[in-house]
C-alpha atoms as a PDB file:
ATOM      1  CA  MET A   1      -6.612  14.919 -21.455  1.00  0.00           C
ATOM      2  CA  LYS A   2      -9.697  13.059 -21.525  1.00  0.00           C
ATOM      3  CA  THR A   3     -11.526  12.901 -18.118  1.00  0.00           C
ATOM      4  CA  MET A   4     -12.451   9.670 -16.362  1.00  0.00           C
ATOM      5  CA  THR A   5     -15.574   7.844 -17.283  1.00  0.00           C
ATOM      6  CA  THR A   6     -17.849   5.752 -14.794  1.00  0.00           C
ATOM      7  CA  SER A   7     -16.627   2.934 -17.321  1.00  0.00           C
ATOM      8  CA  ASP A   8     -13.382   3.188 -17.354  1.00  0.00           C
ATOM      9  CA  LEU A   9     -13.490   3.013 -13.799  1.00  0.00           C
ATOM     10  CA  THR A  10     -15.814   0.144 -13.221  1.00  0.00           C
ATOM     11  CA  PHE A  11     -13.445  -3.225 -13.120  1.00  0.00           C
ATOM     12  CA  LYS A  12     -14.957  -6.202 -14.688  1.00  0.00           C
ATOM     13  CA  PRO A  13     -13.390  -9.489 -13.649  1.00  0.00           C
ATOM     14  CA  ALA A  14     -12.937 -12.220 -16.171  1.00  0.00           C
ATOM     15  CA  TRP A  15     -15.614 -14.946 -16.770  1.00  0.00           C
ATOM     16  CA  TRP A  16     -13.041 -17.460 -15.161  1.00  0.00           C
ATOM     17  CA  MET A  17     -11.337 -15.400 -12.239  1.00  0.00           C
ATOM     18  CA  ARG A  18     -14.652 -14.443 -10.802  1.00  0.00           C
ATOM     19  CA  ASN A  19     -13.880 -16.250  -6.712  1.00  0.00           C
ATOM     20  CA  ARG A  20     -12.990 -13.285  -4.466  1.00  0.00           C
ATOM     21  CA  HIS A  21     -10.315 -16.425  -3.013  1.00  0.00           C
ATOM     22  CA  ALA A  22      -8.251 -16.760  -6.789  1.00  0.00           C
ATOM     23  CA  GLN A  23      -8.676 -12.655  -7.474  1.00  0.00           C
ATOM     24  CA  THR A  24      -6.499 -12.337  -4.822  1.00  0.00           C
ATOM     25  CA  ILE A  25      -4.141 -15.365  -4.393  1.00  0.00           C
ATOM     26  CA  LEU A  26      -3.471 -15.918  -8.157  1.00  0.00           C
ATOM     27  CA  PRO A  27      -1.988 -12.945  -9.470  1.00  0.00           C
ATOM     28  CA  ARG A  28       0.980 -13.642  -7.432  1.00  0.00           C
ATOM     29  CA  PHE A  29       1.593 -16.740 -10.233  1.00  0.00           C
ATOM     30  CA  PHE A  30       0.946 -15.346 -12.999  1.00  0.00           C
ATOM     31  CA  ARG A  31       4.103 -13.405 -13.111  1.00  0.00           C
ATOM     32  CA  PRO A  32       6.874 -15.328 -11.514  1.00  0.00           C
ATOM     33  CA  ARG A  33       9.574 -13.929 -14.217  1.00  0.00           C
ATOM     34  CA  LEU A  34       7.976  -9.937 -14.009  1.00  0.00           C
ATOM     35  CA  HIS A  35      11.478  -8.172 -14.217  1.00  0.00           C
ATOM     36  CA  VAL A  36      11.888  -4.329 -13.533  1.00  0.00           C
ATOM     37  CA  PRO A  37      14.529  -2.705 -13.248  1.00  0.00           C
ATOM     38  CA  VAL A  38      15.321  -0.426 -10.786  1.00  0.00           C
ATOM     39  CA  ASN A  39      18.334   0.922  -9.598  1.00  0.00           C
ATOM     40  CA  TYR A  40      18.074   2.035  -5.541  1.00  0.00           C
ATOM     41  CA  GLU A  41      18.742   4.331  -2.967  1.00  0.00           C
ATOM     42  CA  THR A  42      19.229   4.802   0.503  1.00  0.00           C
ATOM     43  CA  LEU A  43      17.471   8.173   1.868  1.00  0.00           C
ATOM     44  CA  GLU A  44      19.002   8.422   5.714  1.00  0.00           C
ATOM     45  CA  THR A  45      16.097   9.828   7.674  1.00  0.00           C
ATOM     46  CA  PRO A  46      16.477  12.560  10.876  1.00  0.00           C
ATOM     47  CA  ASP A  47      16.540   9.833  13.698  1.00  0.00           C
ATOM     48  CA  ASP A  48      19.691   7.641  12.841  1.00  0.00           C
ATOM     49  CA  ASP A  49      17.747   5.312  10.624  1.00  0.00           C
ATOM     50  CA  PHE A  50      16.933   4.817   6.635  1.00  0.00           C
ATOM     51  CA  LEU A  51      14.509   4.259   3.589  1.00  0.00           C
ATOM     52  CA  GLU A  52      15.162   2.221   1.129  1.00  0.00           C
ATOM     53  CA  LEU A  53      13.638   3.703  -2.529  1.00  0.00           C
ATOM     54  CA  ALA A  54      13.557   1.620  -5.424  1.00  0.00           C
ATOM     55  CA  TRP A  55      13.783   3.728  -8.844  1.00  0.00           C
ATOM     56  CA  ALA A  56      12.447   2.673 -12.239  1.00  0.00           C
ATOM     57  CA  LYS A  57      13.107   5.916 -14.565  1.00  0.00           C
ATOM     58  CA  HIS A  58      11.052   6.204 -18.336  1.00  0.00           C
ATOM     59  CA  GLY A  59      14.260   8.605 -19.231  1.00  0.00           C
ATOM     60  CA  ASP A  60      13.076  11.846 -18.838  1.00  0.00           C
ATOM     61  CA  ARG A  61      14.443  13.481 -16.191  1.00  0.00           C
ATOM     62  CA  ASN A  62      11.646  15.836 -16.695  1.00  0.00           C
ATOM     63  CA  ALA A  63       9.214  13.415 -16.188  1.00  0.00           C
ATOM     64  CA  PRO A  64       6.629  13.372 -13.377  1.00  0.00           C
ATOM     65  CA  LEU A  65       7.268  10.896 -10.312  1.00  0.00           C
ATOM     66  CA  VAL A  66       5.230   8.350  -9.093  1.00  0.00           C
ATOM     67  CA  VAL A  67       5.940   7.130  -5.132  1.00  0.00           C
ATOM     68  CA  VAL A  68       4.788   3.886  -4.880  1.00  0.00           C
ATOM     69  CA  LEU A  69       3.897   2.064  -1.052  1.00  0.00           C
ATOM     70  CA  HIS A  70       3.574  -1.757  -1.061  1.00  0.00           C
ATOM     71  CA  GLY A  71       1.005  -3.785   1.738  1.00  0.00           C
ATOM     72  CA  LEU A  72       2.070  -5.300   5.045  1.00  0.00           C
ATOM     73  CA  GLU A  73       5.165  -6.891   3.959  1.00  0.00           C
ATOM     74  CA  GLY A  74       5.465  -6.458   0.517  1.00  0.00           C
ATOM     75  CA  ASN A  75       8.627  -4.989  -1.400  1.00  0.00           C
ATOM     76  CA  ILE A  76       9.554  -4.665  -4.616  1.00  0.00           C
ATOM     77  CA  ASN A  77       9.762  -8.030  -5.414  1.00  0.00           C
ATOM     78  CA  SER A  78       5.560  -8.131  -4.229  1.00  0.00           C
ATOM     79  CA  PHE A  79       3.739  -8.509  -8.211  1.00  0.00           C
ATOM     80  CA  TYR A  80       1.464  -5.327  -8.325  1.00  0.00           C
ATOM     81  CA  ALA A  81       4.699  -3.384  -7.126  1.00  0.00           C
ATOM     82  CA  LYS A  82       6.859  -4.829 -10.038  1.00  0.00           C
ATOM     83  CA  GLY A  83       3.391  -4.533 -12.282  1.00  0.00           C
ATOM     84  CA  LEU A  84       2.778  -1.557 -11.538  1.00  0.00           C
ATOM     85  CA  LEU A  85       6.684   0.052 -11.827  1.00  0.00           C
ATOM     86  CA  LYS A  86       6.577  -1.188 -15.351  1.00  0.00           C
ATOM     87  CA  SER A  87       3.465   0.186 -16.368  1.00  0.00           C
ATOM     88  CA  LEU A  88       4.394   3.309 -14.777  1.00  0.00           C
ATOM     89  CA  VAL A  89       7.494   3.853 -17.030  1.00  0.00           C
ATOM     90  CA  SER A  90       6.196   2.538 -19.839  1.00  0.00           C
ATOM     91  CA  THR A  91       3.198   5.277 -20.040  1.00  0.00           C
ATOM     92  CA  GLY A  92       6.023   8.354 -19.146  1.00  0.00           C
ATOM     93  CA  PHE A  93       5.788   8.376 -15.078  1.00  0.00           C
ATOM     94  CA  ASP A  94       9.466   7.684 -13.379  1.00  0.00           C
ATOM     95  CA  ALA A  95       8.284   5.483 -10.257  1.00  0.00           C
ATOM     96  CA  VAL A  96       9.650   5.183  -6.987  1.00  0.00           C
ATOM     97  CA  LEU A  97       8.839   2.418  -4.021  1.00  0.00           C
ATOM     98  CA  MET A  98       9.316   3.411  -1.019  1.00  0.00           C
ATOM     99  CA  HIS A  99      10.540   0.419   1.958  1.00  0.00           C
ATOM    100  CA  PHE A 100       8.537   0.756   4.463  1.00  0.00           C
ATOM    101  CA  ARG A 101      11.669   0.429   7.909  1.00  0.00           C
ATOM    102  CA  ASN A 102      12.623  -3.088   7.810  1.00  0.00           C
ATOM    103  CA  CYS A 103      11.338  -4.147   4.690  1.00  0.00           C
ATOM    104  CA  SER A 104      13.945  -3.166   2.993  1.00  0.00           C
ATOM    105  CA  ARG A 105      16.400  -5.528   1.593  1.00  0.00           C
ATOM    106  CA  GLU A 106      18.469  -4.797   4.853  1.00  0.00           C
ATOM    107  CA  ALA A 107      17.505  -4.390   8.913  1.00  0.00           C
ATOM    108  CA  ASN A 108      16.747  -1.074  10.021  1.00  0.00           C
ATOM    109  CA  ARG A 109      18.473   0.441  13.118  1.00  0.00           C
ATOM    110  CA  GLN A 110      16.040   1.890  14.432  1.00  0.00           C
ATOM    111  CA  PRO A 111      13.753  -0.302  16.894  1.00  0.00           C
ATOM    112  CA  ARG A 112      10.776   1.542  15.878  1.00  0.00           C
ATOM    113  CA  ALA A 113       9.331  -0.163  11.965  1.00  0.00           C
ATOM    114  CA  TYR A 114       6.453   0.712  10.370  1.00  0.00           C
ATOM    115  CA  HIS A 115       2.110   0.593  10.516  1.00  0.00           C
ATOM    116  CA  SER A 116      -0.788   1.111   9.274  1.00  0.00           C
ATOM    117  CA  GLY A 117      -0.768   4.310  10.230  1.00  0.00           C
ATOM    118  CA  GLU A 118       2.702   5.174  10.441  1.00  0.00           C
ATOM    119  CA  THR A 119       2.638   8.416   7.918  1.00  0.00           C
ATOM    120  CA  SER A 120       6.173  10.508   9.226  1.00  0.00           C
ATOM    121  CA  ASP A 121       8.029   8.773   6.603  1.00  0.00           C
ATOM    122  CA  LEU A 122       6.237   8.977   3.606  1.00  0.00           C
ATOM    123  CA  GLY A 123       5.505  12.609   4.381  1.00  0.00           C
ATOM    124  CA  TYR A 124       9.294  13.336   4.676  1.00  0.00           C
ATOM    125  CA  PHE A 125      10.288  11.811   2.062  1.00  0.00           C
ATOM    126  CA  ILE A 126       7.272  13.396   0.188  1.00  0.00           C
ATOM    127  CA  SER A 127       8.572  16.730   1.610  1.00  0.00           C
ATOM    128  CA  THR A 128      12.401  15.392  -0.018  1.00  0.00           C
ATOM    129  CA  LEU A 129      11.625  15.017  -3.680  1.00  0.00           C
ATOM    130  CA  LYS A 130       9.982  17.708  -3.755  1.00  0.00           C
ATOM    131  CA  THR A 131      12.747  19.932  -2.592  1.00  0.00           C
ATOM    132  CA  ARG A 132      15.027  17.762  -4.991  1.00  0.00           C
ATOM    133  CA  PHE A 133      12.846  18.553  -8.438  1.00  0.00           C
ATOM    134  CA  PRO A 134      10.847  21.391  -7.435  1.00  0.00           C
ATOM    135  CA  LYS A 135       9.298  21.968 -11.001  1.00  0.00           C
ATOM    136  CA  ARG A 136       8.283  17.679 -11.758  1.00  0.00           C
ATOM    137  CA  PRO A 137       4.182  17.369 -10.318  1.00  0.00           C
ATOM    138  CA  LEU A 138       4.485  15.030  -7.785  1.00  0.00           C
ATOM    139  CA  PHE A 139       2.116  11.296  -7.566  1.00  0.00           C
ATOM    140  CA  ALA A 140       1.356   8.656  -4.819  1.00  0.00           C
ATOM    141  CA  VAL A 141      -0.078   5.000  -4.581  1.00  0.00           C
ATOM    142  CA  GLY A 142      -0.630   2.989  -2.199  1.00  0.00           C
ATOM    143  CA  PHE A 143      -1.766  -0.646  -1.827  1.00  0.00           C
ATOM    144  CA  SER A 144      -3.553  -2.128   1.566  1.00  0.00           C
ATOM    145  CA  LEU A 145      -1.706  -0.872   4.331  1.00  0.00           C
ATOM    146  CA  GLY A 146       0.429   1.521   2.266  1.00  0.00           C
ATOM    147  CA  GLY A 147      -2.986   2.711   0.884  1.00  0.00           C
ATOM    148  CA  ASN A 148      -3.930   3.206   4.267  1.00  0.00           C
ATOM    149  CA  VAL A 149      -1.179   5.106   5.417  1.00  0.00           C
ATOM    150  CA  LEU A 150      -1.311   7.240   2.069  1.00  0.00           C
ATOM    151  CA  ALA A 151      -5.310   7.968   2.924  1.00  0.00           C
ATOM    152  CA  LYS A 152      -3.856   8.526   6.505  1.00  0.00           C
ATOM    153  CA  TYR A 153      -1.506  11.302   4.890  1.00  0.00           C
ATOM    154  CA  LEU A 154      -3.527  12.660   2.896  1.00  0.00           C
ATOM    155  CA  GLY A 155      -6.376  13.625   4.995  1.00  0.00           C
ATOM    156  CA  GLU A 156      -3.896  15.065   7.799  1.00  0.00           C
ATOM    157  CA  SER A 157      -1.531  17.066   5.013  1.00  0.00           C
ATOM    158  CA  LYS A 158      -4.863  18.402   3.775  1.00  0.00           C
ATOM    159  CA  THR A 159      -3.696  21.010   0.914  1.00  0.00           C
ATOM    160  CA  HIS A 160      -0.281  20.740   2.244  1.00  0.00           C
ATOM    161  CA  SER A 161       0.152  17.208   0.595  1.00  0.00           C
ATOM    162  CA  GLY A 162       2.913  17.384  -2.498  1.00  0.00           C
ATOM    163  CA  LEU A 163       1.215  15.878  -4.211  1.00  0.00           C
ATOM    164  CA  GLU A 164      -0.935  16.648  -7.618  1.00  0.00           C
ATOM    165  CA  ALA A 165      -3.211  13.640  -7.071  1.00  0.00           C
ATOM    166  CA  GLY A 166      -3.319   9.815  -5.251  1.00  0.00           C
ATOM    167  CA  VAL A 167      -4.527   6.472  -6.154  1.00  0.00           C
ATOM    168  CA  ALA A 168      -5.315   4.131  -2.589  1.00  0.00           C
ATOM    169  CA  VAL A 169      -6.097   0.062  -3.682  1.00  0.00           C
ATOM    170  CA  SER A 170      -7.775  -1.892  -0.962  1.00  0.00           C
ATOM    171  CA  ALA A 171      -7.374  -0.351   1.854  1.00  0.00           C
ATOM    172  CA  PRO A 172      -7.864  -1.274   4.966  1.00  0.00           C
ATOM    173  CA  TYR A 173      -9.356   1.955   6.488  1.00  0.00           C
ATOM    174  CA  HIS A 174     -11.322   0.233   8.912  1.00  0.00           C
ATOM    175  CA  LEU A 175      -8.376  -1.984  10.883  1.00  0.00           C
ATOM    176  CA  SER A 176      -9.683  -3.737  13.593  1.00  0.00           C
ATOM    177  CA  SER A 177     -12.730  -5.332  12.073  1.00  0.00           C
ATOM    178  CA  SER A 178     -10.509  -5.780   9.239  1.00  0.00           C
ATOM    179  CA  CYS A 179      -8.192  -7.854  11.516  1.00  0.00           C
ATOM    180  CA  GLN A 180     -11.471 -10.434  12.885  1.00  0.00           C
ATOM    181  CA  VAL A 181     -11.619 -10.871   8.872  1.00  0.00           C
ATOM    182  CA  ILE A 182      -7.848 -12.074   8.587  1.00  0.00           C
ATOM    183  CA  ARG A 183      -7.802 -14.011  11.553  1.00  0.00           C
ATOM    184  CA  LYS A 184     -11.211 -16.256  10.378  1.00  0.00           C
ATOM    185  CA  SER A 185     -10.512 -15.766   6.559  1.00  0.00           C
ATOM    186  CA  CYS A 186     -10.223 -18.811   4.157  1.00  0.00           C
ATOM    187  CA  PHE A 187      -9.412 -21.422   6.879  1.00  0.00           C
ATOM    188  CA  LYS A 188      -6.689 -18.484   8.012  1.00  0.00           C
ATOM    189  CA  LEU A 189      -4.594 -18.340   5.266  1.00  0.00           C
ATOM    190  CA  TYR A 190      -3.686 -15.366   4.937  1.00  0.00           C
ATOM    191  CA  GLN A 191      -2.872 -14.172   8.168  1.00  0.00           C
ATOM    192  CA  LYS A 192      -0.446 -17.490   9.174  1.00  0.00           C
ATOM    193  CA  TYR A 193       0.999 -16.539   6.082  1.00  0.00           C
ATOM    194  CA  LEU A 194       1.238 -12.666   7.217  1.00  0.00           C
ATOM    195  CA  LEU A 195       2.270 -13.776  10.431  1.00  0.00           C
ATOM    196  CA  ASP A 196       5.077 -16.023   8.825  1.00  0.00           C
ATOM    197  CA  ARG A 197       6.369 -13.017   7.566  1.00  0.00           C
ATOM    198  CA  MET A 198       6.359 -10.803   9.747  1.00  0.00           C
ATOM    199  CA  LYS A 199       8.022 -12.634  12.411  1.00  0.00           C
ATOM    200  CA  LYS A 200      11.299 -13.734  10.104  1.00  0.00           C
ATOM    201  CA  SER A 201      10.989  -9.461   8.983  1.00  0.00           C
ATOM    202  CA  PHE A 202      11.376  -8.575  12.868  1.00  0.00           C
ATOM    203  CA  SER A 203      13.832 -11.875  13.664  1.00  0.00           C
ATOM    204  CA  ARG A 204      16.159 -10.146  12.325  1.00  0.00           C
ATOM    205  CA  LYS A 205      16.560  -7.413  14.549  1.00  0.00           C
ATOM    206  CA  LEU A 206      14.630  -8.657  17.896  1.00  0.00           C
ATOM    207  CA  ASP A 207      18.007  -7.796  19.586  1.00  0.00           C
ATOM    208  CA  VAL A 208      17.617  -4.047  18.953  1.00  0.00           C
ATOM    209  CA  ILE A 209      13.298  -4.841  19.078  1.00  0.00           C
ATOM    210  CA  GLN A 210      14.317  -6.041  22.688  1.00  0.00           C
ATOM    211  CA  SER A 211      16.067  -2.493  24.068  1.00  0.00           C
ATOM    212  CA  GLN A 212      11.951  -1.396  23.358  1.00  0.00           C
ATOM    213  CA  ILE A 213       9.202  -4.259  24.413  1.00  0.00           C
ATOM    214  CA  ASN A 214      10.190  -7.949  26.677  1.00  0.00           C
ATOM    215  CA  ILE A 215      10.161  -9.736  23.645  1.00  0.00           C
ATOM    216  CA  ASP A 216      12.360 -13.158  22.997  1.00  0.00           C
ATOM    217  CA  GLN A 217      12.342 -15.669  19.964  1.00  0.00           C
ATOM    218  CA  GLU A 218      10.673 -18.351  21.395  1.00  0.00           C
ATOM    219  CA  ALA A 219       7.793 -15.989  22.257  1.00  0.00           C
ATOM    220  CA  LEU A 220       7.998 -14.577  19.050  1.00  0.00           C
ATOM    221  CA  ARG A 221       7.646 -18.141  17.733  1.00  0.00           C
ATOM    222  CA  ASN A 222       4.956 -18.713  20.378  1.00  0.00           C
ATOM    223  CA  ILE A 223       2.901 -15.857  18.915  1.00  0.00           C
ATOM    224  CA  ASN A 224       0.029 -17.673  15.881  1.00  0.00           C
ATOM    225  CA  ASP A 225      -2.315 -14.369  15.991  1.00  0.00           C
ATOM    226  CA  LEU A 226      -2.775 -11.428  14.246  1.00  0.00           C
ATOM    227  CA  TRP A 227      -4.178  -9.022  17.149  1.00  0.00           C
ATOM    228  CA  GLN A 228      -2.055 -10.577  19.065  1.00  0.00           C
ATOM    229  CA  PHE A 229       1.355  -9.837  16.754  1.00  0.00           C
ATOM    230  CA  ASP A 230      -0.108  -6.326  17.129  1.00  0.00           C
ATOM    231  CA  ASP A 231      -0.732  -5.971  20.502  1.00  0.00           C
ATOM    232  CA  LYS A 232       2.456  -7.690  22.674  1.00  0.00           C
ATOM    233  CA  ILE A 233       4.793  -5.625  19.838  1.00  0.00           C
ATOM    234  CA  THR A 234       3.463  -3.742  16.961  1.00  0.00           C
ATOM    235  CA  ALA A 235       1.368  -1.363  19.328  1.00  0.00           C
ATOM    236  CA  PRO A 236       3.979  -1.141  22.308  1.00  0.00           C
ATOM    237  CA  LEU A 237       6.819  -1.387  19.463  1.00  0.00           C
ATOM    238  CA  HIS A 238       4.931   2.642  18.584  1.00  0.00           C
ATOM    239  CA  GLY A 239       3.561   4.236  21.686  1.00  0.00           C
ATOM    240  CA  PHE A 240       0.331   2.603  21.538  1.00  0.00           C
ATOM    241  CA  ALA A 241      -1.572   1.538  24.561  1.00  0.00           C
ATOM    242  CA  GLY A 242      -2.222  -2.070  23.406  1.00  0.00           C
ATOM    243  CA  ALA A 243      -3.523  -3.771  19.977  1.00  0.00           C
ATOM    244  CA  GLU A 244      -6.937  -1.796  19.896  1.00  0.00           C
ATOM    245  CA  ASP A 245      -5.698   1.186  20.113  1.00  0.00           C
ATOM    246  CA  TYR A 246      -4.232   0.813  17.364  1.00  0.00           C
ATOM    247  CA  TYR A 247      -6.056   0.541  15.347  1.00  0.00           C
ATOM    248  CA  ALA A 248      -8.273   2.993  16.100  1.00  0.00           C
ATOM    249  CA  GLN A 249      -5.363   5.491  15.943  1.00  0.00           C
ATOM    250  CA  ALA A 250      -3.837   4.466  12.666  1.00  0.00           C
ATOM    251  CA  SER A 251      -7.483   3.285  10.583  1.00  0.00           C
ATOM    252  CA  ALA A 252      -7.716   6.382   7.815  1.00  0.00           C
ATOM    253  CA  GLN A 253     -11.585   5.859   7.369  1.00  0.00           C
ATOM    254  CA  PRO A 254     -11.662   8.941   9.583  1.00  0.00           C
ATOM    255  CA  TYR A 255      -9.160  11.056   8.259  1.00  0.00           C
ATOM    256  CA  LEU A 256     -11.092   9.980   4.459  1.00  0.00           C
ATOM    257  CA  SER A 257     -13.405  13.204   4.411  1.00  0.00           C
ATOM    258  CA  ASP A 258     -10.371  15.803   5.241  1.00  0.00           C
ATOM    259  CA  ILE A 259      -8.472  15.126   1.756  1.00  0.00           C
ATOM    260  CA  THR A 260      -8.787  17.814  -0.764  1.00  0.00           C
ATOM    261  CA  THR A 261      -5.667  16.264  -3.200  1.00  0.00           C
ATOM    262  CA  PRO A 262      -7.504  14.187  -5.690  1.00  0.00           C
ATOM    263  CA  THR A 263      -7.570  10.886  -5.106  1.00  0.00           C
ATOM    264  CA  LEU A 264      -9.122   7.963  -6.801  1.00  0.00           C
ATOM    265  CA  ILE A 265     -10.385   4.905  -3.544  1.00  0.00           C
ATOM    266  CA  ILE A 266     -10.208   0.972  -5.264  1.00  0.00           C
ATOM    267  CA  HIS A 267     -12.410  -1.157  -3.422  1.00  0.00           C
ATOM    268  CA  ALA A 268     -13.960  -4.725  -3.783  1.00  0.00           C
ATOM    269  CA  GLU A 269     -16.609  -5.121  -1.325  1.00  0.00           C
ATOM    270  CA  ASP A 270     -15.970  -9.264  -2.014  1.00  0.00           C
ATOM    271  CA  ASP A 271     -12.065  -8.224  -0.863  1.00  0.00           C
ATOM    272  CA  PRO A 272     -11.179 -11.917   2.090  1.00  0.00           C
ATOM    273  CA  MET A 273      -8.985  -9.585   3.586  1.00  0.00           C
ATOM    274  CA  LEU A 274     -10.622  -7.293   4.337  1.00  0.00           C
ATOM    275  CA  SER A 275     -14.117  -6.242   6.508  1.00  0.00           C
ATOM    276  CA  ALA A 276     -17.794  -5.028   5.056  1.00  0.00           C
ATOM    277  CA  GLN A 277     -17.146  -1.418   7.556  1.00  0.00           C
ATOM    278  CA  ALA A 278     -13.796  -0.573   5.213  1.00  0.00           C
ATOM    279  CA  VAL A 279     -15.539  -0.409   2.330  1.00  0.00           C
ATOM    280  CA  PRO A 280     -15.128   3.198   1.295  1.00  0.00           C
ATOM    281  CA  THR A 281     -18.868   4.918   1.424  1.00  0.00           C
ATOM    282  CA  LEU A 282     -19.771   8.341  -0.961  1.00  0.00           C
ATOM    283  CA  ALA A 283     -20.793   9.781   2.981  1.00  0.00           C
ATOM    284  CA  GLN A 284     -16.872   9.466   3.972  1.00  0.00           C
ATOM    285  CA  VAL A 285     -15.617  11.395   1.381  1.00  0.00           C
ATOM    286  CA  ASN A 286     -16.379  15.336  -0.486  1.00  0.00           C
ATOM    287  CA  SER A 287     -15.423  15.495  -3.730  1.00  0.00           C
ATOM    288  CA  ALA A 288     -12.030  15.126  -3.987  1.00  0.00           C
ATOM    289  CA  VAL A 289     -12.274  11.759  -3.868  1.00  0.00           C
ATOM    290  CA  THR A 290     -13.414   9.207  -6.175  1.00  0.00           C
ATOM    291  CA  LEU A 291     -15.332   6.150  -5.160  1.00  0.00           C
ATOM    292  CA  ALA A 292     -14.196   3.145  -7.652  1.00  0.00           C
ATOM    293  CA  VAL A 293     -15.967   0.353  -5.817  1.00  0.00           C
ATOM    294  CA  SER A 294     -16.742  -2.448  -7.692  1.00  0.00           C
ATOM    295  CA  GLN A 295     -19.422  -6.014  -6.545  1.00  0.00           C
ATOM    296  CA  GLN A 296     -15.821  -8.430  -6.798  1.00  0.00           C
ATOM    297  CA  GLY A 297     -11.639  -7.720  -7.109  1.00  0.00           C
ATOM    298  CA  GLY A 298     -10.845  -9.963  -4.742  1.00  0.00           C
ATOM    299  CA  HIS A 299      -7.852  -7.893  -2.520  1.00  0.00           C
ATOM    300  CA  VAL A 300      -4.838  -6.202  -4.762  1.00  0.00           C
ATOM    301  CA  GLY A 301      -6.736  -8.170  -7.244  1.00  0.00           C
ATOM    302  CA  PHE A 302      -8.464  -7.220 -10.010  1.00  0.00           C
ATOM    303  CA  ILE A 303      -7.378  -9.700 -13.066  1.00  0.00           C
ATOM    304  CA  SER A 304     -10.177  -9.344 -16.157  1.00  0.00           C
ATOM    305  CA  GLY A 305      -9.358 -10.469 -19.641  1.00  0.00           C
ATOM    306  CA  LYS A 306     -11.505 -13.488 -21.593  1.00  0.00           C
ATOM    307  CA  ASN A 307      -7.799 -15.778 -22.243  1.00  0.00           C
ATOM    308  CA  PRO A 308      -6.815 -17.661 -19.323  1.00  0.00           C
ATOM    309  CA  LEU A 309      -3.537 -17.468 -20.877  1.00  0.00           C
ATOM    310  CA  LYS A 310      -3.105 -13.971 -21.168  1.00  0.00           C
ATOM    311  CA  PRO A 311      -4.775 -12.591 -17.574  1.00  0.00           C
ATOM    312  CA  GLN A 312      -5.376  -9.128 -17.894  1.00  0.00           C
ATOM    313  CA  PHE A 313      -4.251  -6.175 -14.981  1.00  0.00           C
ATOM    314  CA  TRP A 314      -6.730  -4.227 -14.605  1.00  0.00           C
ATOM    315  CA  LEU A 315      -5.040  -1.824 -11.882  1.00  0.00           C
ATOM    316  CA  GLU A 316      -2.269  -1.578 -14.411  1.00  0.00           C
ATOM    317  CA  SER A 317      -3.632   0.447 -17.116  1.00  0.00           C
ATOM    318  CA  VAL A 318      -6.543   2.553 -14.495  1.00  0.00           C
ATOM    319  CA  ILE A 319      -4.151   4.097 -12.245  1.00  0.00           C
ATOM    320  CA  PRO A 320      -1.939   5.829 -14.669  1.00  0.00           C
ATOM    321  CA  GLN A 321      -4.859   6.551 -17.294  1.00  0.00           C
ATOM    322  CA  TYR A 322      -5.812   8.438 -13.911  1.00  0.00           C
ATOM    323  CA  LEU A 323      -2.396  10.798 -12.842  1.00  0.00           C
ATOM    324  CA  ARG A 324      -2.167  11.082 -16.437  1.00  0.00           C
ATOM    325  CA  GLN A 325      -5.462  13.451 -16.104  1.00  0.00           C
ATOM    326  CA  PHE A 326      -3.714  15.727 -13.826  1.00  0.00           C
ATOM    327  CA  ASN A 327      -0.414  15.744 -15.414  1.00  0.00           C
ATOM    328  CA  CYS A 328      -0.305  16.834 -19.323  1.00  0.00           C
ATOM    329  CA  LYS A 329       3.376  15.687 -19.786  1.00  0.00           C
ATOM    330  CA  ALA A 330       2.529  12.433 -19.265  1.00  0.00           C
END
């Protein structure tokens, strides 16, 4: 299998999409009718809860398998998730998207949800897959929050990740400073979008959450700031002292140097949802990590191509190409 070169990992934005907000916002409108057939599975967890899985299969029972992790309040319908699953299947992989708790079609049973540093569910899922398919090569790809979860997991598990390789895209490796960026960026558009989805998601299980923290529907509705949401809900719900304690403990940046699994980190310096402190550097990683840091690309955007009517989703070509290096069957 041909080893990827520096030019393979160099992203060149479309001439008609050089603006970082355009790269971030417009891709979701390019594929409103993109359909990827999936089969759903409910995986019970040790704490009497569940993970909803969405399987997209190539057809070969021995095909290499890729776990896909979505971003904050994402799911199987997120444009990047559908696009990557379709691309993986077409290039010889099976793929399965793991919905983080409370991002699936039904609300989870336990008062806990998910957060940027929660790696136990991913570890449990990977262990389950290794038991089910002991001979199949296993990979993982994480987007945004899911990328932070994956990078932290890889750093924590070191040589015991269970993965042949991983890819993290547009991850908020430094959560505290990135939160401050989201609070102000694009006239607070990103903050409002995320908060609206988070509040809607948590309102589904408010009665369960109230057994752990003091929050009612009106108080939830009145939260209009991301830091405030994390300080009042995310942090206390998951055992952190407050928002900053959560950000410090959940950020993957301190774990990057401990990653021993081959990992591709894709990041754009112009990402409008992440801080400059979140841009990974060579000094923060070791030889197992390949950095593909471009000047442009936005947040989980990376749209290239010469024809505005036929945008090219660079991530959907470079990610399978990177993973194929570590599996001769793909």
